[in-house]
N, C-alpha and C. Protein backbone atom coordinates (compact mmCIF):
# COMPACT_ATOMS: atom_id res chain seq x y z
N VAL A 1 59.99 7.19 80.72
CA VAL A 1 60.25 5.79 81.02
C VAL A 1 61.68 5.66 81.53
N ASP A 2 61.83 5.04 82.68
CA ASP A 2 63.14 4.76 83.25
C ASP A 2 63.31 3.24 83.24
N LEU A 3 63.97 2.72 82.21
CA LEU A 3 64.10 1.28 82.06
C LEU A 3 64.98 0.66 83.13
N ASN A 4 65.95 1.42 83.66
CA ASN A 4 66.80 0.89 84.73
C ASN A 4 66.00 0.62 86.00
N LYS A 5 65.02 1.47 86.29
CA LYS A 5 64.19 1.31 87.49
C LYS A 5 62.86 0.63 87.17
N ALA A 6 62.60 0.35 85.91
CA ALA A 6 61.34 -0.26 85.46
C ALA A 6 60.14 0.58 85.90
N ILE A 7 60.23 1.90 85.63
CA ILE A 7 59.16 2.84 86.00
C ILE A 7 58.70 3.60 84.77
N VAL A 8 57.38 3.71 84.63
CA VAL A 8 56.78 4.49 83.53
C VAL A 8 56.01 5.65 84.17
N GLN A 9 56.32 6.87 83.76
CA GLN A 9 55.62 8.06 84.25
C GLN A 9 54.80 8.64 83.11
N ILE A 10 53.53 8.96 83.40
CA ILE A 10 52.61 9.47 82.39
C ILE A 10 51.97 10.75 82.93
N MET A 11 51.89 11.77 82.08
CA MET A 11 51.33 13.06 82.49
C MET A 11 50.18 13.43 81.55
N GLY A 12 49.13 14.04 82.12
CA GLY A 12 48.05 14.60 81.32
C GLY A 12 46.94 13.64 80.96
N GLU A 13 45.83 13.73 81.67
CA GLU A 13 44.63 12.93 81.41
C GLU A 13 44.94 11.44 81.25
N VAL A 14 45.52 10.87 82.28
CA VAL A 14 45.92 9.46 82.29
C VAL A 14 44.70 8.57 82.52
N VAL A 15 44.61 7.48 81.76
CA VAL A 15 43.57 6.48 81.96
C VAL A 15 44.26 5.11 81.98
N ALA A 16 44.07 4.36 83.08
CA ALA A 16 44.60 3.01 83.19
C ALA A 16 43.42 2.07 83.38
N ARG A 17 43.35 1.04 82.55
CA ARG A 17 42.24 0.08 82.61
C ARG A 17 42.77 -1.32 82.85
N SER A 18 42.01 -2.08 83.62
CA SER A 18 42.36 -3.49 83.81
C SER A 18 41.72 -4.30 82.70
N ALA A 19 42.37 -5.41 82.38
CA ALA A 19 41.81 -6.30 81.37
C ALA A 19 40.88 -7.27 82.07
N PRO A 20 39.77 -7.58 81.58
CA PRO A 20 39.11 -7.03 80.39
C PRO A 20 38.21 -5.85 80.73
N ASN A 21 38.81 -4.72 81.07
CA ASN A 21 38.10 -3.46 81.32
C ASN A 21 37.15 -3.56 82.52
N ARG A 22 37.59 -4.23 83.58
CA ARG A 22 36.76 -4.36 84.79
C ARG A 22 36.87 -3.14 85.69
N ALA A 23 38.02 -2.47 85.66
CA ALA A 23 38.23 -1.32 86.53
C ALA A 23 39.03 -0.26 85.78
N GLU A 24 38.93 0.98 86.26
CA GLU A 24 39.59 2.08 85.56
C GLU A 24 40.01 3.16 86.56
N ILE A 25 41.23 3.67 86.39
CA ILE A 25 41.72 4.81 87.15
C ILE A 25 42.00 5.94 86.17
N ARG A 26 41.50 7.14 86.51
CA ARG A 26 41.79 8.35 85.73
C ARG A 26 42.47 9.34 86.66
N ALA A 27 43.47 10.06 86.13
CA ALA A 27 44.21 11.03 86.94
C ALA A 27 44.96 12.00 86.06
N ASP A 28 45.45 13.08 86.68
CA ASP A 28 46.27 14.05 85.96
C ASP A 28 47.63 13.47 85.61
N GLN A 29 48.15 12.62 86.49
CA GLN A 29 49.44 11.97 86.22
C GLN A 29 49.50 10.65 86.96
N ALA A 30 50.36 9.76 86.48
CA ALA A 30 50.51 8.45 87.12
C ALA A 30 51.93 7.93 86.94
N GLU A 31 52.30 7.06 87.87
CA GLU A 31 53.60 6.39 87.81
C GLU A 31 53.36 4.91 88.00
N TRP A 32 53.84 4.10 87.07
CA TRP A 32 53.67 2.66 87.13
C TRP A 32 55.02 2.02 87.43
N SER A 33 55.13 1.39 88.58
CA SER A 33 56.33 0.64 88.93
C SER A 33 56.10 -0.80 88.50
N ILE A 34 56.78 -1.20 87.46
CA ILE A 34 56.58 -2.53 86.89
C ILE A 34 57.02 -3.61 87.86
N GLU A 35 58.18 -3.42 88.50
CA GLU A 35 58.69 -4.43 89.45
C GLU A 35 57.79 -4.58 90.66
N GLN A 36 57.30 -3.45 91.21
CA GLN A 36 56.45 -3.50 92.40
C GLN A 36 54.99 -3.78 92.04
N GLN A 37 54.65 -3.78 90.76
CA GLN A 37 53.27 -3.97 90.31
C GLN A 37 52.34 -2.99 91.02
N GLN A 38 52.71 -1.70 90.95
CA GLN A 38 51.97 -0.66 91.65
C GLN A 38 51.80 0.56 90.74
N ILE A 39 50.61 1.14 90.77
CA ILE A 39 50.34 2.38 90.05
C ILE A 39 50.00 3.45 91.08
N LYS A 40 50.73 4.57 91.02
CA LYS A 40 50.44 5.73 91.88
C LYS A 40 49.84 6.81 90.99
N ALA A 41 48.64 7.24 91.33
CA ALA A 41 47.94 8.26 90.56
C ALA A 41 47.82 9.53 91.39
N GLU A 42 47.98 10.69 90.76
CA GLU A 42 47.94 11.98 91.45
C GLU A 42 47.07 12.96 90.69
N GLY A 43 46.29 13.74 91.42
CA GLY A 43 45.52 14.84 90.84
C GLY A 43 44.22 14.42 90.17
N ASN A 44 43.11 14.89 90.71
CA ASN A 44 41.78 14.61 90.14
C ASN A 44 41.58 13.13 89.85
N VAL A 45 41.84 12.31 90.84
CA VAL A 45 41.77 10.85 90.67
C VAL A 45 40.32 10.38 90.71
N SER A 46 39.99 9.51 89.79
CA SER A 46 38.68 8.86 89.74
C SER A 46 38.93 7.37 89.54
N TYR A 47 38.34 6.54 90.40
CA TYR A 47 38.46 5.09 90.27
C TYR A 47 37.06 4.51 90.12
N ALA A 48 36.89 3.61 89.16
CA ALA A 48 35.57 3.02 88.92
C ALA A 48 35.68 1.53 88.63
N GLN A 49 34.68 0.80 89.13
CA GLN A 49 34.47 -0.60 88.76
C GLN A 49 33.05 -0.69 88.21
N VAL A 50 32.93 -0.82 86.93
CA VAL A 50 31.62 -0.80 86.27
C VAL A 50 30.75 -1.96 86.72
N GLU A 51 31.32 -3.16 86.78
CA GLU A 51 30.55 -4.36 87.14
C GLU A 51 29.96 -4.29 88.54
N ARG A 52 30.65 -3.59 89.45
CA ARG A 52 30.19 -3.50 90.84
C ARG A 52 29.55 -2.15 91.16
N ASN A 53 29.39 -1.30 90.14
CA ASN A 53 28.78 0.02 90.29
C ASN A 53 29.46 0.84 91.40
N ILE A 54 30.81 0.87 91.34
CA ILE A 54 31.60 1.62 92.32
C ILE A 54 32.31 2.76 91.60
N GLN A 55 32.24 3.95 92.18
CA GLN A 55 33.02 5.08 91.68
C GLN A 55 33.47 5.92 92.88
N VAL A 56 34.78 6.17 92.96
CA VAL A 56 35.37 6.92 94.06
C VAL A 56 36.27 7.99 93.47
N GLN A 57 36.26 9.18 94.10
CA GLN A 57 37.12 10.26 93.64
C GLN A 57 37.98 10.74 94.79
N GLY A 58 39.18 11.23 94.47
CA GLY A 58 40.07 11.73 95.50
C GLY A 58 41.23 12.48 94.89
N ASN A 59 42.20 12.80 95.75
CA ASN A 59 43.39 13.54 95.31
C ASN A 59 44.47 12.62 94.77
N ASN A 60 44.58 11.41 95.35
CA ASN A 60 45.57 10.46 94.87
C ASN A 60 45.12 9.04 95.16
N ALA A 61 45.80 8.11 94.53
CA ALA A 61 45.45 6.69 94.71
C ALA A 61 46.69 5.84 94.51
N ILE A 62 46.69 4.68 95.16
CA ILE A 62 47.72 3.68 94.93
C ILE A 62 47.01 2.37 94.62
N ALA A 63 47.29 1.83 93.45
CA ALA A 63 46.72 0.55 93.04
C ALA A 63 47.82 -0.50 93.16
N ASP A 64 47.57 -1.51 93.99
CA ASP A 64 48.50 -2.62 94.18
C ASP A 64 47.99 -3.76 93.31
N LEU A 65 48.61 -3.94 92.15
CA LEU A 65 48.12 -4.91 91.18
C LEU A 65 48.30 -6.34 91.67
N ALA A 66 49.37 -6.62 92.39
CA ALA A 66 49.62 -7.97 92.89
C ALA A 66 48.57 -8.39 93.92
N ASN A 67 48.21 -7.47 94.81
CA ASN A 67 47.21 -7.77 95.85
C ASN A 67 45.80 -7.41 95.44
N GLN A 68 45.64 -6.82 94.27
CA GLN A 68 44.35 -6.42 93.71
C GLN A 68 43.57 -5.52 94.65
N THR A 69 44.24 -4.46 95.14
CA THR A 69 43.59 -3.46 95.97
C THR A 69 43.89 -2.07 95.44
N VAL A 70 42.99 -1.13 95.74
CA VAL A 70 43.18 0.27 95.39
C VAL A 70 42.85 1.11 96.61
N ASN A 71 43.75 2.00 96.99
CA ASN A 71 43.52 2.95 98.08
C ASN A 71 43.40 4.34 97.47
N VAL A 72 42.26 4.98 97.68
CA VAL A 72 42.02 6.33 97.16
C VAL A 72 41.95 7.27 98.35
N ARG A 73 42.75 8.34 98.31
CA ARG A 73 42.78 9.32 99.40
C ARG A 73 42.14 10.61 98.92
N GLY A 74 41.23 11.13 99.74
CA GLY A 74 40.54 12.37 99.41
C GLY A 74 40.97 13.51 100.29
N ASN A 75 40.26 14.60 100.21
CA ASN A 75 40.53 15.75 101.06
C ASN A 75 40.35 15.37 102.52
N GLY A 76 41.19 15.89 103.37
CA GLY A 76 41.06 15.61 104.80
C GLY A 76 41.62 14.26 105.21
N GLY A 77 42.32 13.56 104.32
CA GLY A 77 42.96 12.31 104.67
C GLY A 77 42.05 11.10 104.68
N VAL A 78 40.84 11.19 104.18
CA VAL A 78 39.94 10.04 104.13
C VAL A 78 40.46 9.05 103.10
N ILE A 79 40.56 7.78 103.49
CA ILE A 79 41.06 6.74 102.59
C ILE A 79 39.95 5.73 102.35
N THR A 80 39.71 5.40 101.10
CA THR A 80 38.78 4.34 100.73
C THR A 80 39.58 3.20 100.12
N LYS A 81 39.48 2.01 100.69
CA LYS A 81 40.19 0.84 100.18
C LYS A 81 39.19 -0.07 99.49
N ILE A 82 39.52 -0.46 98.26
CA ILE A 82 38.64 -1.30 97.46
C ILE A 82 39.40 -2.50 96.97
N SER A 83 38.78 -3.67 97.06
CA SER A 83 39.37 -4.89 96.51
C SER A 83 38.83 -5.09 95.11
N VAL A 84 39.72 -5.44 94.21
CA VAL A 84 39.33 -5.70 92.83
C VAL A 84 39.02 -7.17 92.70
N PRO A 85 37.84 -7.54 92.16
CA PRO A 85 37.49 -8.96 92.06
C PRO A 85 38.38 -9.71 91.09
């Protein structure tokens, strides 16, 4: 945790869930920028929205909490953009 930069870094089987558990990101590591309201996930990324039956996997993801979007990047540079309801 870097309180001066308002950044939280988490390593090892990271799980981030939205309240009330509408969406979930799993990854090997993640960085949460509190000021930017952004989560960057790296390594074995899985993003799911249970209510909408969506599941996407990739190498990394950026979740923009303010704009309620998630961009998941897979092998070969394919990007899947999902809006969170």
